[in-house]
Amino acid sequence: MQADGPRACRFGRRWYLNNESWHPSVPPFGEMKCILCWCVSGETHCQRQECPPTACDSPARRDNPCCTKCRGECECSHVGTAPPYPP
């Protein structure tokens, strides 16, 4: 017996539609904003946001709370690039 279409995913107590993405909520920590999960044909996939390394002595978290960046007074070079989250 075949399903009529792509299957949904269950994560914790919630169901997510095929191709839907979300930040998981893990008790007692709450929403994990640096992790993205997505549903693909009934299978849940999760990935932590990848951050490029920083080349400075005292990095700070600015625009993105998941990744550190060099402060304004520091000359920084980033090696490589972080891939975007999957669709």
C-alpha atoms as a PDB file:
ATOM      1  CA  MET A   1       0.000   0.000   0.000  1.00  0.00           C
ATOM      2  CA  GLN A   2       1.460   3.361  -1.033  1.00  0.00           C
ATOM      3  CA  ALA A   3       0.867   6.718   0.601  1.00  0.00           C
ATOM      4  CA  ASP A   4      -1.006   9.334  -1.407  1.00  0.00           C
ATOM      5  CA  GLY A   5       1.757  11.908  -0.982  1.00  0.00           C
ATOM      6  CA  PRO A   6       4.842  12.845   1.024  1.00  0.00           C
ATOM      7  CA  ARG A   7       4.592  11.901   4.676  1.00  0.00           C
ATOM      8  CA  ALA A   8       4.718  14.284   7.626  1.00  0.00           C
ATOM      9  CA  CYS A   9       7.293  14.066  10.424  1.00  0.00           C
ATOM     10  CA  ARG A  10       6.765  13.814  14.137  1.00  0.00           C
ATOM     11  CA  PHE A  11       9.223  15.601  16.409  1.00  0.00           C
ATOM     12  CA  GLY A  12       8.443  15.500  20.100  1.00  0.00           C
ATOM     13  CA  ARG A  13       4.704  16.016  20.411  1.00  0.00           C
ATOM     14  CA  ARG A  14       4.302  17.969  17.157  1.00  0.00           C
ATOM     15  CA  TRP A  15       3.781  16.989  13.544  1.00  0.00           C
ATOM     16  CA  TYR A  16       5.444  18.863  10.673  1.00  0.00           C
ATOM     17  CA  LEU A  17       4.510  18.772   7.001  1.00  0.00           C
ATOM     18  CA  ASN A  18       6.865  17.570   4.288  1.00  0.00           C
ATOM     19  CA  ASN A  19       9.459  20.305   3.507  1.00  0.00           C
ATOM     20  CA  GLU A  20       8.539  22.250   6.659  1.00  0.00           C
ATOM     21  CA  SER A  21      11.448  23.507   8.792  1.00  0.00           C
ATOM     22  CA  TRP A  22      11.614  24.527  12.457  1.00  0.00           C
ATOM     23  CA  HIS A  23      13.912  25.189  15.389  1.00  0.00           C
ATOM     24  CA  PRO A  24      13.476  22.313  17.832  1.00  0.00           C
ATOM     25  CA  SER A  25      12.364  22.930  21.391  1.00  0.00           C
ATOM     26  CA  VAL A  26      14.187  20.788  23.938  1.00  0.00           C
ATOM     27  CA  PRO A  27      13.034  20.857  27.573  1.00  0.00           C
ATOM     28  CA  PRO A  28      14.383  22.320  29.833  1.00  0.00           C
ATOM     29  CA  PHE A  29      16.438  24.474  27.424  1.00  0.00           C
ATOM     30  CA  GLY A  30      13.613  25.761  25.236  1.00  0.00           C
ATOM     31  CA  GLU A  31      13.923  26.642  21.553  1.00  0.00           C
ATOM     32  CA  MET A  32      17.316  25.793  20.061  1.00  0.00           C
ATOM     33  CA  LYS A  33      17.753  28.720  17.657  1.00  0.00           C
ATOM     34  CA  CYS A  34      21.152  27.529  16.402  1.00  0.00           C
ATOM     35  CA  ILE A  35      19.696  24.212  15.199  1.00  0.00           C
ATOM     36  CA  LEU A  36      17.363  23.837  12.241  1.00  0.00           C
ATOM     37  CA  CYS A  37      15.284  20.738  11.576  1.00  0.00           C
ATOM     38  CA  TRP A  38      13.306  19.929   8.446  1.00  0.00           C
ATOM     39  CA  CYS A  39      10.982  17.179   7.280  1.00  0.00           C
ATOM     40  CA  VAL A  40      11.751  15.171   4.145  1.00  0.00           C
ATOM     41  CA  SER A  41       9.246  12.471   3.187  1.00  0.00           C
ATOM     42  CA  GLY A  42       8.558  11.424   6.756  1.00  0.00           C
ATOM     43  CA  GLU A  43      12.162  11.666   7.980  1.00  0.00           C
ATOM     44  CA  THR A  44      13.352  14.428  10.316  1.00  0.00           C
ATOM     45  CA  HIS A  45      16.799  15.903   9.651  1.00  0.00           C
ATOM     46  CA  CYS A  46      18.492  18.406  11.957  1.00  0.00           C
ATOM     47  CA  GLN A  47      21.678  20.414  11.595  1.00  0.00           C
ATOM     48  CA  ARG A  48      23.499  22.869  13.827  1.00  0.00           C
ATOM     49  CA  GLN A  49      24.284  26.152  12.102  1.00  0.00           C
ATOM     50  CA  GLU A  50      27.868  26.069  10.858  1.00  0.00           C
ATOM     51  CA  CYS A  51      29.977  29.113  11.599  1.00  0.00           C
ATOM     52  CA  PRO A  52      33.205  30.166   9.925  1.00  0.00           C
ATOM     53  CA  PRO A  53      36.225  30.286  12.242  1.00  0.00           C
ATOM     54  CA  THR A  54      37.332  33.708  13.458  1.00  0.00           C
ATOM     55  CA  ALA A  55      40.945  34.853  13.546  1.00  0.00           C
ATOM     56  CA  CYS A  56      40.908  37.375  16.379  1.00  0.00           C
ATOM     57  CA  ASP A  57      41.728  37.322  20.076  1.00  0.00           C
ATOM     58  CA  SER A  58      38.353  38.376  21.493  1.00  0.00           C
ATOM     59  CA  PRO A  59      35.442  37.519  19.200  1.00  0.00           C
ATOM     60  CA  ALA A  60      31.931  38.736  20.012  1.00  0.00           C
ATOM     61  CA  ARG A  61      28.449  37.561  19.101  1.00  0.00           C
ATOM     62  CA  ARG A  62      26.837  40.328  17.098  1.00  0.00           C
ATOM     63  CA  ASP A  63      24.218  39.939  14.361  1.00  0.00           C
ATOM     64  CA  ASN A  64      24.016  36.182  14.766  1.00  0.00           C
ATOM     65  CA  PRO A  65      23.764  34.808  18.325  1.00  0.00           C
ATOM     66  CA  CYS A  66      24.964  31.388  17.102  1.00  0.00           C
ATOM     67  CA  CYS A  67      28.268  32.541  15.586  1.00  0.00           C
ATOM     68  CA  THR A  68      31.059  34.758  16.825  1.00  0.00           C
ATOM     69  CA  LYS A  69      32.553  37.575  14.764  1.00  0.00           C
ATOM     70  CA  CYS A  70      35.553  39.760  15.343  1.00  0.00           C
ATOM     71  CA  ARG A  71      35.072  43.100  17.059  1.00  0.00           C
ATOM     72  CA  GLY A  72      35.359  46.269  14.938  1.00  0.00           C
ATOM     73  CA  GLU A  73      38.955  47.077  15.957  1.00  0.00           C
ATOM     74  CA  CYS A  74      40.237  43.696  14.882  1.00  0.00           C
ATOM     75  CA  GLU A  75      41.319  42.705  11.365  1.00  0.00           C
ATOM     76  CA  CYS A  76      39.723  39.339  10.755  1.00  0.00           C
ATOM     77  CA  SER A  77      40.078  36.741   8.091  1.00  0.00           C
ATOM     78  CA  HIS A  78      37.528  33.997   7.746  1.00  0.00           C
ATOM     79  CA  VAL A  79      38.604  30.676   6.314  1.00  0.00           C
ATOM     80  CA  GLY A  80      35.916  28.999   4.273  1.00  0.00           C
ATOM     81  CA  THR A  81      32.239  29.787   4.246  1.00  0.00           C
ATOM     82  CA  ALA A  82      29.327  28.313   6.106  1.00  0.00           C
ATOM     83  CA  PRO A  83      26.852  26.483   3.892  1.00  0.00           C
ATOM     84  CA  PRO A  84      23.264  27.730   4.051  1.00  0.00           C
ATOM     85  CA  TYR A  85      20.609  25.716   5.804  1.00  0.00           C
ATOM     86  CA  PRO A  86      18.975  23.125   3.603  1.00  0.00           C
ATOM     87  CA  PRO A  87      15.694  24.116   1.976  1.00  0.00           C
END
